[in-house]
Every structure is written in C-alpha cells, then in structure tokens.
Protein backbone atom coordinates (compact mmCIF):
# COMPACT_ATOMS: atom_id res chain seq x y z
CA MET A 1 21.91 -14.00 126.66
CA ASN A 2 22.64 -16.30 123.81
CA ILE A 3 24.93 -19.31 124.89
CA THR A 4 26.43 -21.66 121.89
CA ASN A 5 25.00 -25.62 123.22
CA ALA A 6 28.23 -27.91 123.72
CA ALA A 7 26.91 -30.16 122.54
CA SER A 8 27.16 -28.86 119.10
CA LEU A 9 31.11 -28.38 119.21
CA SER A 10 32.15 -31.53 121.09
CA SER A 11 30.74 -34.67 122.28
CA ARG A 12 33.53 -35.71 124.31
CA GLN A 13 32.25 -36.83 128.08
CA GLN A 14 33.33 -35.50 131.16
CA GLY A 15 33.14 -35.89 134.18
CA ALA A 16 34.00 -32.93 136.47
CA VAL A 17 31.92 -33.33 140.33
CA SER A 18 34.64 -31.77 142.79
CA SER A 19 34.92 -28.26 144.01
CA GLU A 20 37.56 -27.60 142.20
CA VAL A 21 37.24 -28.47 138.46
CA ARG A 22 39.97 -30.77 136.79
CA PRO A 23 39.32 -31.32 133.29
CA ALA A 24 40.58 -33.28 130.60
CA ARG A 25 44.33 -32.48 130.09
CA ASP A 26 44.47 -30.89 127.58
CA SER A 27 41.99 -28.14 128.16
CA PRO A 28 42.20 -25.94 131.56
CA ILE A 29 39.26 -25.55 132.24
CA LEU A 30 35.89 -26.98 131.54
CA VAL A 31 34.27 -24.62 128.94
CA GLY A 32 30.24 -25.38 128.90
CA GLY A 33 29.22 -22.57 126.68
CA LEU A 34 30.35 -19.81 124.65
CA GLU A 35 28.77 -16.38 123.47
CA PRO A 36 30.97 -15.60 120.33
CA PHE A 37 29.90 -11.62 120.62
CA THR A 38 28.80 -9.56 123.19
CA THR A 39 28.54 -5.20 124.23
CA ILE A 40 27.63 -5.92 127.25
CA ASP A 41 29.53 -8.50 129.60
CA PHE A 42 33.38 -6.61 129.61
CA PRO A 43 32.22 -2.81 129.20
CA GLY A 44 33.34 -0.62 126.48
CA LEU A 45 35.05 -3.78 125.09
CA LEU A 46 33.46 -5.87 122.15
CA ALA A 47 34.49 -9.22 124.17
CA CYS A 48 33.33 -12.46 123.75
CA VAL A 49 32.38 -14.68 126.48
CA ILE A 50 34.11 -18.15 128.12
CA PHE A 51 31.78 -19.89 129.59
CA CYS A 52 33.11 -21.50 132.82
CA GLN A 53 31.20 -25.30 134.35
CA GLY A 54 30.48 -25.45 137.54
CA CYS A 55 29.28 -23.78 140.68
CA PRO A 56 28.30 -24.50 144.07
CA TRP A 57 25.84 -21.86 144.71
CA LYS A 58 22.49 -22.20 144.02
CA CYS A 59 21.01 -18.87 144.04
CA PRO A 60 17.37 -19.37 143.69
CA TYR A 61 17.54 -16.56 140.61
CA CYS A 62 19.72 -17.67 138.55
CA HIS A 63 20.07 -17.34 134.75
CA ASN A 64 22.66 -19.92 133.56
CA ALA A 65 21.26 -22.79 136.16
CA HIS A 66 22.40 -25.47 133.80
CA LEU A 67 26.06 -24.24 134.22
CA GLN A 68 25.69 -25.25 138.41
CA SER A 69 26.53 -28.77 137.97
CA PHE A 70 29.93 -29.79 138.50
CA ARG A 71 29.31 -32.74 135.40
CA CYS A 72 29.43 -31.31 131.23
CA GLU A 73 28.36 -34.08 129.10
CA SER A 74 29.51 -32.28 126.14
CA PRO A 75 32.30 -29.63 126.97
CA LEU A 76 33.17 -27.92 124.49
CA PRO A 77 37.03 -28.46 123.28
CA TRP A 78 39.85 -25.78 124.38
CA PRO A 79 41.83 -26.20 121.38
CA GLY A 80 38.48 -25.23 119.25
CA VAL A 81 37.56 -22.20 121.82
CA MET A 82 41.21 -21.02 121.14
CA ASP A 83 40.78 -21.25 117.40
CA PHE A 84 37.60 -19.90 117.55
CA LEU A 85 39.81 -17.32 119.06
CA ALA A 86 42.63 -16.93 116.77
CA ARG A 87 40.30 -16.17 114.02
CA ARG A 88 38.68 -13.71 115.68
CA GLN A 89 42.03 -10.89 116.62
CA GLY A 90 41.60 -7.88 115.12
CA PHE A 91 37.99 -7.75 116.12
CA LEU A 92 36.96 -9.43 119.64
CA GLU A 93 39.13 -6.49 121.53
CA GLY A 94 38.32 -8.92 124.81
CA VAL A 95 37.44 -12.59 126.58
CA VAL A 96 35.71 -12.79 129.46
CA PHE A 97 35.91 -15.47 131.68
CA SER A 98 32.07 -16.65 133.56
CA GLY A 99 30.16 -19.19 134.71
CA GLY A 100 28.84 -21.25 136.35
CA GLU A 101 32.04 -20.16 138.71
CA PRO A 102 35.17 -19.32 137.33
CA THR A 103 37.35 -19.95 140.20
CA ALA A 104 35.89 -23.46 140.32
CA GLN A 105 38.43 -24.28 137.16
CA ALA A 106 42.12 -25.73 138.74
CA GLY A 107 43.17 -24.48 135.74
CA LEU A 108 41.72 -21.14 134.79
CA ALA A 109 45.49 -19.17 135.25
CA ARG A 110 46.42 -20.95 132.04
CA ALA A 111 43.30 -20.88 130.25
CA ILE A 112 44.08 -16.61 131.15
CA GLN A 113 47.06 -16.99 129.95
CA ASP A 114 47.00 -18.70 126.75
CA VAL A 115 43.67 -16.38 125.26
CA ARG A 116 46.03 -13.31 126.80
CA ALA A 117 48.69 -14.47 124.35
CA LEU A 118 46.36 -13.86 121.93
CA GLY A 119 46.43 -10.58 122.17
CA TYR A 120 42.99 -10.02 124.44
CA ARG A 121 42.55 -8.26 127.57
CA ILE A 122 41.07 -10.67 129.94
CA GLY A 123 37.17 -9.99 131.81
CA LEU A 124 36.41 -12.41 134.92
CA HIS A 125 32.58 -12.28 135.91
CA THR A 126 33.21 -14.05 139.58
CA ALA A 127 30.75 -14.54 143.13
CA GLY A 128 33.79 -13.75 145.24
CA ILE A 129 32.82 -17.89 146.22
CA TYR A 130 36.68 -19.40 146.15
CA PRO A 131 39.03 -15.66 147.12
CA HIS A 132 42.24 -17.42 147.30
CA ARG A 133 42.15 -19.06 144.16
CA LEU A 134 40.23 -15.13 142.79
CA ALA A 135 44.38 -14.15 144.42
CA ARG A 136 45.84 -16.25 141.96
CA VAL A 137 44.51 -15.07 138.59
CA LEU A 138 43.83 -11.11 139.66
CA ALA A 139 47.04 -10.24 138.53
CA LEU A 140 46.18 -11.97 134.89
CA VAL A 141 42.87 -9.89 134.26
CA ASP A 142 41.98 -6.09 133.04
CA TRP A 143 38.75 -6.82 134.85
CA VAL A 144 36.51 -8.34 136.88
CA GLY A 145 33.10 -8.42 137.30
CA LEU A 146 32.26 -9.00 140.92
CA ASP A 147 28.18 -10.27 142.03
CA VAL A 148 28.17 -9.16 145.45
CA LYS A 149 24.85 -10.53 145.92
CA ALA A 150 23.34 -8.86 149.14
CA PRO A 151 24.83 -6.85 151.75
CA LEU A 152 27.89 -9.17 153.33
CA ASP A 153 25.63 -10.94 156.90
CA GLN A 154 22.89 -13.53 156.59
CA ARG A 155 21.58 -12.01 154.16
CA CYS A 156 24.07 -13.58 151.65
CA ASP A 157 24.19 -16.75 153.06
CA ARG A 158 20.40 -17.32 152.27
CA ILE A 159 20.86 -16.26 148.95
CA SER A 160 23.95 -18.49 147.99
CA GLY A 161 21.57 -21.13 150.68
CA ILE A 162 25.74 -21.90 152.05
CA ARG A 163 26.37 -20.69 155.72
CA GLY A 164 29.56 -18.28 155.15
CA SER A 165 29.54 -17.32 151.72
CA ALA A 166 29.19 -13.63 152.86
CA ALA A 167 32.37 -12.97 154.53
CA ARG A 168 33.90 -15.79 152.11
CA VAL A 169 32.07 -12.21 149.39
CA SER A 170 34.04 -9.64 152.09
CA ARG A 171 37.07 -11.43 151.46
CA SER A 172 36.92 -11.15 147.57
CA LEU A 173 35.80 -7.63 147.54
CA ASP A 174 39.23 -6.77 149.44
CA LEU A 175 41.12 -8.23 147.15
CA VAL A 176 39.96 -6.84 143.85
CA LEU A 177 39.76 -3.45 146.02
CA ALA A 178 43.52 -3.83 146.95
CA SER A 179 44.70 -5.06 143.77
CA GLY A 180 43.78 -2.09 141.72
CA VAL A 181 41.54 -3.71 138.62
CA SER A 182 39.18 -1.70 137.28
CA MET A 183 35.65 -3.84 138.14
CA GLN A 184 32.17 -3.39 138.32
CA ILE A 185 30.17 -4.67 141.49
CA ARG A 186 26.41 -6.42 140.44
CA THR A 187 23.41 -7.17 142.33
CA THR A 188 20.05 -9.71 140.80
CA VAL A 189 17.29 -7.57 142.21
CA ASP A 190 14.60 -10.37 143.44
CA PRO A 191 11.74 -8.43 145.13
CA ASP A 192 11.23 -12.04 146.85
CA LEU A 193 14.83 -12.22 148.30
CA LEU A 194 15.93 -8.36 148.76
CA SER A 195 14.20 -4.88 150.12
CA ARG A 196 14.61 -1.49 149.66
CA LYS A 197 16.21 -1.79 153.23
CA ASP A 198 18.70 -4.05 151.99
CA LEU A 199 19.80 -2.95 148.59
CA SER A 200 20.38 0.31 151.11
CA ASP A 201 22.40 -0.91 153.25
CA LEU A 202 24.53 -2.89 150.91
CA GLU A 203 25.11 0.76 149.03
CA ALA A 204 26.26 2.09 152.83
CA GLU A 205 28.12 -1.11 153.86
CA LEU A 206 30.63 -0.78 149.75
CA ARG A 207 30.77 3.46 150.11
CA TRP A 208 31.85 2.43 153.43
CA ARG A 209 34.71 0.34 151.86
CA GLY A 210 35.38 2.09 149.33
CA ALA A 211 34.00 0.46 146.64
CA PRO A 212 32.86 1.71 143.50
CA ALA A 213 28.41 2.09 143.45
CA GLY A 214 27.00 -1.43 142.65
CA THR A 215 25.17 -2.01 138.91
CA LEU A 216 21.30 -3.32 139.81
CA GLN A 217 20.44 -6.21 137.94
CA LYS A 218 16.84 -6.60 137.96
CA LYS A 219 15.09 -9.51 138.08
CA ILE A 220 11.28 -8.24 138.05
CA SER A 221 10.94 -3.91 138.56
CA ILE A 222 10.63 -2.91 142.91
CA SER A 223 7.30 -1.25 142.31
CA GLY A 224 5.80 1.06 144.73
C-alpha cells in the first residue's frame, strides 16, 4: 500500500500523545498519510484512504507501524486533504478512514461529516479498540472493515499486546452487527501467531454470532 509521506505536504509540527487525539484547531483529525487511489480498500468503489495517526495496539505484523505513534511531526493539513477531495469529485466514489486507529481521533465524526458533504461514501477501517467511540460514528459510515485479530479471548490479547482487548472487539462487533451497516471482517494470518485451530475457532464464533464470514489477509501462507 502506497502512503503519501505527510512531510511532503506540510511542515507544521503537531504533538498528540493521548489515547484520544486532538490535533490543531484547523484540523479535526491528525492525518499521517494519504493513499490517493485504491480499488481494494472499499469493496466495489474507487476510493482514497485517509490514514489517521495513532494506535494503542502493537500488533507484531502491523504494516503501518509508523502510524502507531500518537505523535506526527508533519501531519497533512486538513484543508489540503479537503482540497484534494474536492478536486476528485466525479472521479473518486468513496473515502476510507484508516490508520492507525481512526476512532482514536476526537474529531473523527466532524471529519467524516466534512467528507460526506462533498458527496462521498464513507468507509471505516477499525480494530474495534474503542467501541463507545465507534458507536458515535456508525450512523455516518456506509461500510466498516473490522479487523478481528483472533478468537475473542486471550488469543486476541496476545496479538494486540493489551489485556482486555478481546472484550472491546467483541462489543464493537455487536455494535456493527446491530447497526446494519455493511461490513467485512478481516483477519491477518501470521502462522507464528495463529494456528489452523485458531482460525477454525474464529470462524465458528463468527458464525454463531451471525457475523459474515471473515476474509483472511495472509502475511504468509500456512503450508501443510
């Protein structure tokens, strides 16, 4: 995934180090990068991806590890992001808020509303870390990609590195299912962290809860 370097578009300094990011006054969210065009991050739509800075989890296989920090030395200015989106009206169909963890952003709802006002459909990538914050924005999004790391027990905690993470993801899953918002469940398969039994247990749990079958994002293939 190609992420435009934030430093190439802004030299402003921003230090946000809390679990709920509050950026500068002219920006509702702290933007760590932008993918201007994608056909894979919002199923069925031509979209761009806004990468929100900051995530409290430290999953070993994270491919956006540079977005984990709650500090971004040169964030993308929100007015510049909005100008880019205004110029892409009629070409792009959707905008995905990804990360990092978008629900760590205090101004996520405002940012989504800004983008919706341009006529875009909204996608959200989340690991379900903050279910109460997810609940605030579900009515504003058209599709959710929910990362479910593992069966929702201590195996999830083992990957996130945070005790109690399974309960948070479980609650977020319930919220998305109850909302009726279109969703996709994604699981990254690292054979050093997830066995075939783990995947089977997760599949059974999702089926029991009435969730759609998950999509496996394989770090490397499990042989045998």
